[in-house]
């Protein structure tokens, strides 16, 4: 069982924790679990996008996941990138883009310029079906056609405003 910290509207840990997936837990309006999402862009201006496994919904998204209790969002994004696609990233490579309050989770946003060789990627099959590089226009088409996880589409457009 994964334990998750509860955050307030300002992104601060409240001291309360919940068990991931526990349907008996109700969070107040100003309480949130946290997720971290990163968009990785190569030197050609393309973004590394993954198609989630059928068990995870089968939609397109970027890399990300829940922030475990005691973990920072930055630690989470490094862990998730390694777990999902087998790529190590360094703190000084990552641009923190703040957070977004959308739906119940607080969503920490990250951005990275890095040429990742797709042939060297080791995907976590339980989470990811495949990865590929896509242009901004191709991603906008996925968003328009509801083929991308909604929150990841919103985060993509927020990050575009910052880079």
Protein backbone atom coordinates (compact mmCIF):
# COMPACT_ATOMS: atom_id res chain seq x y z
CA UNK A 1 0.00 0.00 0.00
CA UNK A 2 1.24 3.44 -0.94
CA UNK A 3 0.87 6.20 1.61
CA UNK A 4 0.33 9.69 0.20
CA UNK A 5 0.78 13.04 1.93
CA UNK A 6 -2.13 15.47 1.87
CA UNK A 7 -1.38 19.00 0.61
CA UNK A 8 -3.25 22.28 1.06
CA UNK A 9 -4.20 24.69 -1.74
CA UNK A 10 -0.78 26.37 -1.43
CA UNK A 11 1.16 23.17 -2.03
CA UNK A 12 2.18 22.62 1.59
CA UNK A 13 2.12 19.21 3.25
CA UNK A 14 -0.56 19.23 5.98
CA UNK A 15 0.76 16.34 8.08
CA UNK A 16 -2.21 14.18 7.14
CA UNK A 17 -1.66 11.03 5.03
CA UNK A 18 -3.98 8.73 3.12
CA UNK A 19 -3.59 5.31 1.56
CA UNK A 20 -3.66 5.45 -2.23
CA UNK A 21 -6.92 4.05 -3.59
CA UNK A 22 -8.73 4.01 -0.23
CA UNK A 23 -12.27 4.90 -1.30
CA UNK A 24 -13.36 5.48 2.31
CA UNK A 25 -11.20 8.63 2.58
CA UNK A 26 -12.83 11.98 1.91
CA UNK A 27 -10.66 15.03 1.43
CA UNK A 28 -11.94 18.51 2.24
CA UNK A 29 -12.11 21.16 -0.51
CA UNK A 30 -8.69 22.55 0.50
CA UNK A 31 -7.01 19.11 0.73
CA UNK A 32 -5.27 17.37 -2.14
CA UNK A 33 -3.08 14.41 -2.92
CA UNK A 34 -0.18 15.29 -5.24
CA UNK A 35 1.01 14.07 -8.60
CA UNK A 36 4.05 15.13 -10.60
CA UNK A 37 4.17 15.32 -14.41
CA UNK A 38 7.10 16.10 -16.71
CA UNK A 39 7.31 17.00 -20.38
CA UNK A 40 10.61 16.09 -22.04
CA UNK A 41 11.49 17.98 -25.25
CA UNK A 42 14.32 17.00 -27.57
CA UNK A 43 16.57 19.33 -29.58
CA UNK A 44 14.19 19.01 -32.57
CA UNK A 45 11.36 20.53 -30.51
CA UNK A 46 9.49 17.23 -30.20
CA UNK A 47 8.04 15.91 -26.95
CA UNK A 48 8.45 12.40 -25.57
CA UNK A 49 4.89 11.11 -25.26
CA UNK A 50 3.76 7.74 -24.01
CA UNK A 51 0.65 5.74 -24.68
CA UNK A 52 -0.52 4.30 -21.40
CA UNK A 53 -1.05 0.58 -21.11
CA UNK A 54 -4.61 -0.72 -21.55
CA UNK A 55 -4.73 -1.29 -17.75
CA UNK A 56 -4.00 2.42 -17.25
CA UNK A 57 -6.60 3.64 -19.74
CA UNK A 58 -4.81 3.43 -23.08
CA UNK A 59 -4.63 7.19 -23.59
CA UNK A 60 -1.62 9.30 -24.46
CA UNK A 61 0.14 11.18 -21.68
CA UNK A 62 3.47 12.34 -20.47
CA UNK A 63 5.47 10.71 -17.70
CA UNK A 64 4.31 11.19 -14.14
CA UNK A 65 2.79 9.71 -11.04
CA UNK A 66 1.70 10.10 -7.43
CA UNK A 67 3.95 11.79 -4.90
CA UNK A 68 4.53 9.23 -2.16
CA UNK A 69 4.50 10.22 1.50
CA UNK A 70 7.83 11.78 2.51
CA UNK A 71 8.85 12.38 -1.11
CA UNK A 72 9.17 15.76 -2.79
CA UNK A 73 7.54 16.28 -6.19
CA UNK A 74 11.05 16.57 -7.70
CA UNK A 75 12.07 13.21 -6.20
CA UNK A 76 8.83 11.75 -7.53
CA UNK A 77 9.37 12.90 -11.09
CA UNK A 78 12.90 11.50 -11.15
CA UNK A 79 11.61 8.18 -9.78
CA UNK A 80 8.70 8.01 -12.21
CA UNK A 81 10.86 8.78 -15.26
CA UNK A 82 13.21 5.99 -14.24
CA UNK A 83 10.41 3.52 -13.40
CA UNK A 84 8.26 4.17 -16.47
CA UNK A 85 10.87 4.65 -19.20
CA UNK A 86 14.22 3.71 -17.63
CA UNK A 87 15.84 7.14 -17.98
CA UNK A 88 17.90 8.81 -15.24
CA UNK A 89 17.62 12.59 -14.99
CA UNK A 90 19.53 15.03 -12.80
CA UNK A 91 18.07 17.79 -10.63
CA UNK A 92 19.95 20.51 -12.49
CA UNK A 93 18.42 19.41 -15.82
CA UNK A 94 14.82 19.78 -14.64
CA UNK A 95 12.85 23.01 -14.76
CA UNK A 96 10.18 23.25 -12.07
CA UNK A 97 7.04 24.92 -13.47
CA UNK A 98 4.93 25.26 -10.32
CA UNK A 99 1.70 23.45 -9.72
CA UNK A 100 -1.84 23.40 -10.99
CA UNK A 101 -4.99 22.85 -8.99
CA UNK A 102 -7.16 20.82 -11.32
CA UNK A 103 -9.68 18.29 -10.13
CA UNK A 104 -8.70 16.85 -6.74
CA UNK A 105 -4.94 16.28 -7.08
CA UNK A 106 -2.47 19.12 -6.92
CA UNK A 107 -0.39 18.66 -10.06
CA UNK A 108 3.29 19.60 -9.95
CA UNK A 109 4.62 20.44 -13.41
CA UNK A 110 8.16 19.88 -14.70
CA UNK A 111 9.93 20.41 -17.99
CA UNK A 112 13.17 18.99 -19.35
CA UNK A 113 15.23 19.61 -22.49
CA UNK A 114 16.97 16.31 -23.20
CA UNK A 115 17.63 14.13 -26.21
CA UNK A 116 16.44 10.73 -25.05
CA UNK A 117 17.22 7.88 -27.43
CA UNK A 118 13.94 6.01 -27.85
CA UNK A 119 15.82 2.82 -28.69
CA UNK A 120 17.46 2.89 -25.25
CA UNK A 121 14.18 3.32 -23.38
CA UNK A 122 13.11 0.45 -21.14
CA UNK A 123 9.37 0.86 -20.67
CA UNK A 124 7.40 -0.42 -17.70
CA UNK A 125 4.82 -2.54 -19.56
CA UNK A 126 2.30 -2.42 -16.71
CA UNK A 127 2.16 1.39 -17.11
CA UNK A 128 3.29 2.17 -20.67
CA UNK A 129 2.36 0.60 -24.00
CA UNK A 130 4.88 2.57 -26.09
CA UNK A 131 6.64 5.94 -26.38
CA UNK A 132 7.30 8.21 -29.32
CA UNK A 133 8.30 11.76 -30.06
CA UNK A 134 5.50 14.09 -31.16
CA UNK A 135 5.30 17.67 -32.31
CA UNK A 136 3.30 20.33 -30.50
CA UNK A 137 0.69 20.18 -33.30
CA UNK A 138 0.36 16.39 -32.99
CA UNK A 139 -0.15 16.72 -29.22
CA UNK A 140 -2.74 19.46 -29.70
CA UNK A 141 -4.58 17.09 -32.08
CA UNK A 142 -4.56 14.35 -29.40
CA UNK A 143 -5.96 16.85 -26.88
CA UNK A 144 -8.65 18.02 -29.33
CA UNK A 145 -9.69 14.42 -30.09
CA UNK A 146 -9.75 13.39 -26.40
CA UNK A 147 -6.96 10.86 -27.00
CA UNK A 148 -4.75 12.37 -24.28
CA UNK A 149 -5.36 12.16 -20.56
CA UNK A 150 -7.24 15.40 -19.88
CA UNK A 151 -5.02 16.64 -17.05
CA UNK A 152 -1.87 15.97 -19.11
CA UNK A 153 -3.28 18.05 -21.96
CA UNK A 154 -4.01 20.93 -19.58
CA UNK A 155 -0.52 20.65 -18.09
CA UNK A 156 1.04 20.59 -21.59
CA UNK A 157 -0.64 23.89 -22.46
CA UNK A 158 0.37 25.43 -19.12
CA UNK A 159 4.00 24.42 -19.64
CA UNK A 160 3.96 25.86 -23.18
CA UNK A 161 3.14 29.27 -21.64
CA UNK A 162 6.29 29.02 -19.48
CA UNK A 163 8.92 27.85 -21.93
